[in-house]
Amino acid sequence: MTTRDPETPSHDQAAAAALNDKLTDSELPGTTIDFDPDEAERAGAFEEDAVGLADAVDSALD
């Protein structure tokens, strides 16, 4: 059995920290930050938030 040093971050923790750093850096004007597809998805870039057809029809009748 292998044990992990509690002071050493796991891969997921390191990836989350790196993503957080990228998101923070992306708020600086004039910077370009590259995200790989997994990072972009974790950051919510591909979250579907469009209005559905039924909601669009209902709002048109208001």
PDB file of N, CA and C in Angstrom:
ATOM      1  N   MET A   1       0.842  -1.168   0.000  1.00  0.00           N
ATOM      2  CA  MET A   1       0.000   0.000   0.000  1.00  0.00           C
ATOM      3  C   MET A   1       0.892   1.237   0.000  1.00  0.00           C
ATOM      4  N   THR A   2       0.559   2.181  -0.875  1.00  0.00           N
ATOM      5  CA  THR A   2       1.318   3.424  -0.905  1.00  0.00           C
ATOM      6  C   THR A   2       0.513   4.503  -0.201  1.00  0.00           C
ATOM      7  N   THR A   3       1.205   5.353   0.470  1.00  0.00           N
ATOM      8  CA  THR A   3       0.541   6.472   1.124  1.00  0.00           C
ATOM      9  C   THR A   3       1.025   7.753   0.494  1.00  0.00           C
ATOM     10  N   ARG A   4       0.146   8.699   0.427  1.00  0.00           N
ATOM     11  CA  ARG A   4       0.459   9.988  -0.167  1.00  0.00           C
ATOM     12  C   ARG A   4       0.772  10.978   0.939  1.00  0.00           C
ATOM     13  N   ASP A   5       1.797  11.763   0.719  1.00  0.00           N
ATOM     14  CA  ASP A   5       2.163  12.803   1.665  1.00  0.00           C
ATOM     15  C   ASP A   5       1.045  13.839   1.690  1.00  0.00           C
ATOM     16  N   PRO A   6       0.448  14.118   2.852  1.00  0.00           N
ATOM     17  CA  PRO A   6      -0.660  15.083   2.911  1.00  0.00           C
ATOM     18  C   PRO A   6      -0.272  16.488   2.491  1.00  0.00           C
ATOM     19  N   GLU A   7       1.010  16.793   2.499  1.00  0.00           N
ATOM     20  CA  GLU A   7       1.467  18.114   2.080  1.00  0.00           C
ATOM     21  C   GLU A   7       1.558  18.237   0.556  1.00  0.00           C
ATOM     22  N   THR A   8       1.550  17.114  -0.153  1.00  0.00           N
ATOM     23  CA  THR A   8       1.658  17.109  -1.601  1.00  0.00           C
ATOM     24  C   THR A   8       0.259  17.102  -2.206  1.00  0.00           C
ATOM     25  N   PRO A   9      -0.072  18.117  -3.028  1.00  0.00           N
ATOM     26  CA  PRO A   9      -1.420  18.145  -3.606  1.00  0.00           C
ATOM     27  C   PRO A   9      -1.625  17.002  -4.600  1.00  0.00           C
ATOM     28  N   SER A  10      -2.855  16.506  -4.656  1.00  0.00           N
ATOM     29  CA  SER A  10      -3.184  15.465  -5.626  1.00  0.00           C
ATOM     30  C   SER A  10      -3.209  16.087  -7.017  1.00  0.00           C
ATOM     31  N   HIS A  11      -3.289  15.233  -8.029  1.00  0.00           N
ATOM     32  CA  HIS A  11      -3.362  15.717  -9.415  1.00  0.00           C
ATOM     33  C   HIS A  11      -4.580  16.618  -9.591  1.00  0.00           C
ATOM     34  N   ASP A  12      -5.741  16.217  -9.036  1.00  0.00           N
ATOM     35  CA  ASP A  12      -6.959  17.016  -9.167  1.00  0.00           C
ATOM     36  C   ASP A  12      -6.805  18.371  -8.483  1.00  0.00           C
ATOM     37  N   GLN A  13      -6.171  18.382  -7.324  1.00  0.00           N
ATOM     38  CA  GLN A  13      -5.969  19.648  -6.615  1.00  0.00           C
ATOM     39  C   GLN A  13      -5.020  20.553  -7.391  1.00  0.00           C
ATOM     40  N   ALA A  14      -3.978  19.969  -7.946  1.00  0.00           N
ATOM     41  CA  ALA A  14      -3.020  20.754  -8.727  1.00  0.00           C
ATOM     42  C   ALA A  14      -3.684  21.303  -9.990  1.00  0.00           C
ATOM     43  N   ALA A  15      -4.517  20.484 -10.640  1.00  0.00           N
ATOM     44  CA  ALA A  15      -5.216  20.932 -11.843  1.00  0.00           C
ATOM     45  C   ALA A  15      -6.202  22.050 -11.499  1.00  0.00           C
ATOM     46  N   ALA A  16      -6.896  21.924 -10.375  1.00  0.00           N
ATOM     47  CA  ALA A  16      -7.845  22.961  -9.952  1.00  0.00           C
ATOM     48  C   ALA A  16      -7.105  24.258  -9.639  1.00  0.00           C
ATOM     49  N   ALA A  17      -5.958  24.170  -9.011  1.00  0.00           N
ATOM     50  CA  ALA A  17      -5.168  25.357  -8.693  1.00  0.00           C
ATOM     51  C   ALA A  17      -4.667  26.024  -9.975  1.00  0.00           C
ATOM     52  N   ALA A  18      -4.222  25.227 -10.936  1.00  0.00           N
ATOM     53  CA  ALA A  18      -3.740  25.778 -12.202  1.00  0.00           C
ATOM     54  C   ALA A  18      -4.883  26.456 -12.960  1.00  0.00           C
ATOM     55  N   LEU A  19      -6.059  25.843 -12.946  1.00  0.00           N
ATOM     56  CA  LEU A  19      -7.215  26.440 -13.611  1.00  0.00           C
ATOM     57  C   LEU A  19      -7.597  27.752 -12.929  1.00  0.00           C
ATOM     58  N   ASN A  20      -7.576  27.761 -11.622  1.00  0.00           N
ATOM     59  CA  ASN A  20      -7.882  28.992 -10.882  1.00  0.00           C
ATOM     60  C   ASN A  20      -6.896  30.097 -11.237  1.00  0.00           C
ATOM     61  N   ASP A  21      -5.620  29.751 -11.335  1.00  0.00           N
ATOM     62  CA  ASP A  21      -4.605  30.741 -11.719  1.00  0.00           C
ATOM     63  C   ASP A  21      -4.875  31.283 -13.120  1.00  0.00           C
ATOM     64  N   LYS A  22      -5.240  30.399 -14.044  1.00  0.00           N
ATOM     65  CA  LYS A  22      -5.535  30.833 -15.414  1.00  0.00           C
ATOM     66  C   LYS A  22      -6.741  31.761 -15.447  1.00  0.00           C
ATOM     67  N   LEU A  23      -7.781  31.411 -14.680  1.00  0.00           N
ATOM     68  CA  LEU A  23      -8.973  32.254 -14.655  1.00  0.00           C
ATOM     69  C   LEU A  23      -8.655  33.625 -14.070  1.00  0.00           C
ATOM     70  N   THR A  24      -7.838  33.651 -13.030  1.00  0.00           N
ATOM     71  CA  THR A  24      -7.424  34.923 -12.434  1.00  0.00           C
ATOM     72  C   THR A  24      -6.614  35.742 -13.432  1.00  0.00           C
ATOM     73  N   ASP A  25      -5.662  35.092 -14.109  1.00  0.00           N
ATOM     74  CA  ASP A  25      -4.832  35.784 -15.097  1.00  0.00           C
ATOM     75  C   ASP A  25      -5.662  36.295 -16.276  1.00  0.00           C
ATOM     76  N   SER A  26      -6.742  35.579 -16.627  1.00  0.00           N
ATOM     77  CA  SER A  26      -7.558  35.970 -17.779  1.00  0.00           C
ATOM     78  C   SER A  26      -8.311  37.273 -17.542  1.00  0.00           C
ATOM     79  N   GLU A  27      -8.395  37.719 -16.300  1.00  0.00           N
ATOM     80  CA  GLU A  27      -9.074  38.976 -15.991  1.00  0.00           C
ATOM     81  C   GLU A  27      -8.191  40.194 -16.222  1.00  0.00           C
ATOM     82  N   LEU A  28      -6.919  39.975 -16.496  1.00  0.00           N
ATOM     83  CA  LEU A  28      -5.996  41.082 -16.753  1.00  0.00           C
ATOM     84  C   LEU A  28      -6.170  41.561 -18.189  1.00  0.00           C
ATOM     85  N   PRO A  29      -6.396  42.847 -18.387  1.00  0.00           N
ATOM     86  CA  PRO A  29      -6.570  43.370 -19.743  1.00  0.00           C
ATOM     87  C   PRO A  29      -5.353  43.077 -20.621  1.00  0.00           C
ATOM     88  N   GLY A  30      -5.622  42.675 -21.843  1.00  0.00           N
ATOM     89  CA  GLY A  30      -4.558  42.454 -22.816  1.00  0.00           C
ATOM     90  C   GLY A  30      -3.880  41.102 -22.742  1.00  0.00           C
ATOM     91  N   THR A  31      -4.316  40.232 -21.843  1.00  0.00           N
ATOM     92  CA  THR A  31      -3.685  38.914 -21.746  1.00  0.00           C
ATOM     93  C   THR A  31      -4.457  37.904 -22.570  1.00  0.00           C
ATOM     94  N   THR A  32      -3.732  36.943 -23.075  1.00  0.00           N
ATOM     95  CA  THR A  32      -4.324  35.823 -23.787  1.00  0.00           C
ATOM     96  C   THR A  32      -3.946  34.558 -23.042  1.00  0.00           C
ATOM     97  N   ILE A  33      -4.937  33.832 -22.617  1.00  0.00           N
ATOM     98  CA  ILE A  33      -4.713  32.603 -21.860  1.00  0.00           C
ATOM     99  C   ILE A  33      -5.283  31.448 -22.658  1.00  0.00           C
ATOM    100  N   ASP A  34      -4.483  30.410 -22.853  1.00  0.00           N
ATOM    101  CA  ASP A  34      -4.939  29.222 -23.554  1.00  0.00           C
ATOM    102  C   ASP A  34      -5.481  28.202 -22.553  1.00  0.00           C
ATOM    103  N   PHE A  35      -6.655  27.659 -22.857  1.00  0.00           N
ATOM    104  CA  PHE A  35      -7.269  26.608 -22.053  1.00  0.00           C
ATOM    105  C   PHE A  35      -7.391  25.368 -22.912  1.00  0.00           C
ATOM    106  N   ASP A  36      -7.050  24.210 -22.342  1.00  0.00           N
ATOM    107  CA  ASP A  36      -7.301  22.980 -23.080  1.00  0.00           C
ATOM    108  C   ASP A  36      -8.792  22.656 -22.925  1.00  0.00           C
ATOM    109  N   PRO A  37      -9.343  21.755 -23.735  1.00  0.00           N
ATOM    110  CA  PRO A  37     -10.779  21.478 -23.689  1.00  0.00           C
ATOM    111  C   PRO A  37     -11.295  21.068 -22.306  1.00  0.00           C
ATOM    112  N   ASP A  38     -10.521  20.288 -21.563  1.00  0.00           N
ATOM    113  CA  ASP A  38     -10.967  19.876 -20.227  1.00  0.00           C
ATOM    114  C   ASP A  38     -11.038  21.075 -19.282  1.00  0.00           C
ATOM    115  N   GLU A  39     -10.042  21.950 -19.354  1.00  0.00           N
ATOM    116  CA  GLU A  39     -10.052  23.143 -18.506  1.00  0.00           C
ATOM    117  C   GLU A  39     -11.233  24.045 -18.863  1.00  0.00           C
ATOM    118  N   ALA A  40     -11.477  24.205 -20.152  1.00  0.00           N
ATOM    119  CA  ALA A  40     -12.584  25.056 -20.590  1.00  0.00           C
ATOM    120  C   ALA A  40     -13.922  24.506 -20.094  1.00  0.00           C
ATOM    121  N   GLU A  41     -14.081  23.199 -20.158  1.00  0.00           N
ATOM    122  CA  GLU A  41     -15.324  22.605 -19.683  1.00  0.00           C
ATOM    123  C   GLU A  41     -15.469  22.782 -18.175  1.00  0.00           C
ATOM    124  N   ARG A  42     -14.383  22.562 -17.441  1.00  0.00           N
ATOM    125  CA  ARG A  42     -14.426  22.725 -15.984  1.00  0.00           C
ATOM    126  C   ARG A  42     -14.717  24.177 -15.603  1.00  0.00           C
ATOM    127  N   ALA A  43     -14.311  25.114 -16.453  1.00  0.00           N
ATOM    128  CA  ALA A  43     -14.553  26.530 -16.193  1.00  0.00           C
ATOM    129  C   ALA A  43     -15.964  26.956 -16.596  1.00  0.00           C
ATOM    130  N   GLY A  44     -16.718  26.059 -17.232  1.00  0.00           N
ATOM    131  CA  GLY A  44     -18.092  26.357 -17.604  1.00  0.00           C
ATOM    132  C   GLY A  44     -18.261  26.934 -18.993  1.00  0.00           C
ATOM    133  N   ALA A  45     -17.250  26.834 -19.826  1.00  0.00           N
ATOM    134  CA  ALA A  45     -17.322  27.418 -21.161  1.00  0.00           C
ATOM    135  C   ALA A  45     -18.359  26.749 -22.047  1.00  0.00           C
ATOM    136  N   PHE A  46     -18.660  25.500 -21.804  1.00  0.00           N
ATOM    137  CA  PHE A  46     -19.582  24.776 -22.672  1.00  0.00           C
ATOM    138  C   PHE A  46     -20.926  24.515 -22.006  1.00  0.00           C
ATOM    139  N   GLU A  47     -21.238  25.289 -20.982  1.00  0.00           N
ATOM    140  CA  GLU A  47     -22.498  25.113 -20.274  1.00  0.00           C
ATOM    141  C   GLU A  47     -23.639  25.637 -21.141  1.00  0.00           C
ATOM    142  N   GLU A  48     -24.623  24.803 -21.359  1.00  0.00           N
ATOM    143  CA  GLU A  48     -25.765  25.178 -22.186  1.00  0.00           C
ATOM    144  C   GLU A  48     -26.743  25.984 -21.340  1.00  0.00           C
ATOM    145  N   ASP A  49     -26.989  27.216 -21.756  1.00  0.00           N
ATOM    146  CA  ASP A  49     -27.926  28.049 -21.010  1.00  0.00           C
ATOM    147  C   ASP A  49     -28.922  28.757 -21.925  1.00  0.00           C
ATOM    148  N   ALA A  50     -29.102  28.195 -23.111  1.00  0.00           N
ATOM    149  CA  ALA A  50     -30.036  28.777 -24.063  1.00  0.00           C
ATOM    150  C   ALA A  50     -31.478  28.540 -23.612  1.00  0.00           C
ATOM    151  N   VAL A  51     -32.347  29.404 -24.063  1.00  0.00           N
ATOM    152  CA  VAL A  51     -33.771  29.268 -23.767  1.00  0.00           C
ATOM    153  C   VAL A  51     -34.341  28.154 -24.638  1.00  0.00           C
ATOM    154  N   GLY A  52     -35.150  27.307 -24.031  1.00  0.00           N
ATOM    155  CA  GLY A  52     -35.787  26.230 -24.778  1.00  0.00           C
ATOM    156  C   GLY A  52     -36.913  26.751 -25.651  1.00  0.00           C
ATOM    157  N   LEU A  53     -37.350  25.951 -26.612  1.00  0.00           N
ATOM    158  CA  LEU A  53     -38.384  26.358 -27.553  1.00  0.00           C
ATOM    159  C   LEU A  53     -39.684  26.711 -26.832  1.00  0.00           C
ATOM    160  N   ALA A  54     -40.087  25.894 -25.873  1.00  0.00           N
ATOM    161  CA  ALA A  54     -41.340  26.159 -25.160  1.00  0.00           C
ATOM    162  C   ALA A  54     -41.258  27.491 -24.409  1.00  0.00           C
ATOM    163  N   ASP A  55     -40.143  27.779 -23.767  1.00  0.00           N
ATOM    164  CA  ASP A  55     -39.984  29.056 -23.056  1.00  0.00           C
ATOM    165  C   ASP A  55     -39.972  30.233 -24.037  1.00  0.00           C
ATOM    166  N   ALA A  56     -39.371  30.050 -25.204  1.00  0.00           N
ATOM    167  CA  ALA A  56     -39.337  31.116 -26.197  1.00  0.00           C
ATOM    168  C   ALA A  56     -40.738  31.414 -26.717  1.00  0.00           C
ATOM    169  N   VAL A  57     -41.520  30.383 -26.972  1.00  0.00           N
ATOM    170  CA  VAL A  57     -42.897  30.578 -27.434  1.00  0.00           C
ATOM    171  C   VAL A  57     -43.712  31.250 -26.340  1.00  0.00           C
ATOM    172  N   ASP A  58     -43.559  30.817 -25.105  1.00  0.00           N
ATOM    173  CA  ASP A  58     -44.303  31.420 -23.994  1.00  0.00           C
ATOM    174  C   ASP A  58     -43.949  32.893 -23.834  1.00  0.00           C
ATOM    175  N   SER A  59     -42.677  33.248 -23.996  1.00  0.00           N
ATOM    176  CA  SER A  59     -42.279  34.642 -23.816  1.00  0.00           C
ATOM    177  C   SER A  59     -42.762  35.514 -24.964  1.00  0.00           C
ATOM    178  N   ALA A  60     -42.937  34.936 -26.146  1.00  0.00           N
ATOM    179  CA  ALA A  60     -43.426  35.688 -27.291  1.00  0.00           C
ATOM    180  C   ALA A  60     -44.895  36.059 -27.105  1.00  0.00           C
ATOM    181  N   LEU A  61     -45.605  35.289 -26.289  1.00  0.00           N
ATOM    182  CA  LEU A  61     -47.024  35.550 -26.068  1.00  0.00           C
ATOM    183  C   LEU A  61     -47.263  36.565 -24.972  1.00  0.00           C
ATOM    184  N   ASP A  62     -46.214  36.936 -24.243  1.00  0.00           N
ATOM    185  CA  ASP A  62     -46.362  37.920 -23.150  1.00  0.00           C
ATOM    186  C   ASP A  62     -46.525  39.312 -23.662  1.00  0.00           C
TER     187      ASP A  62
END
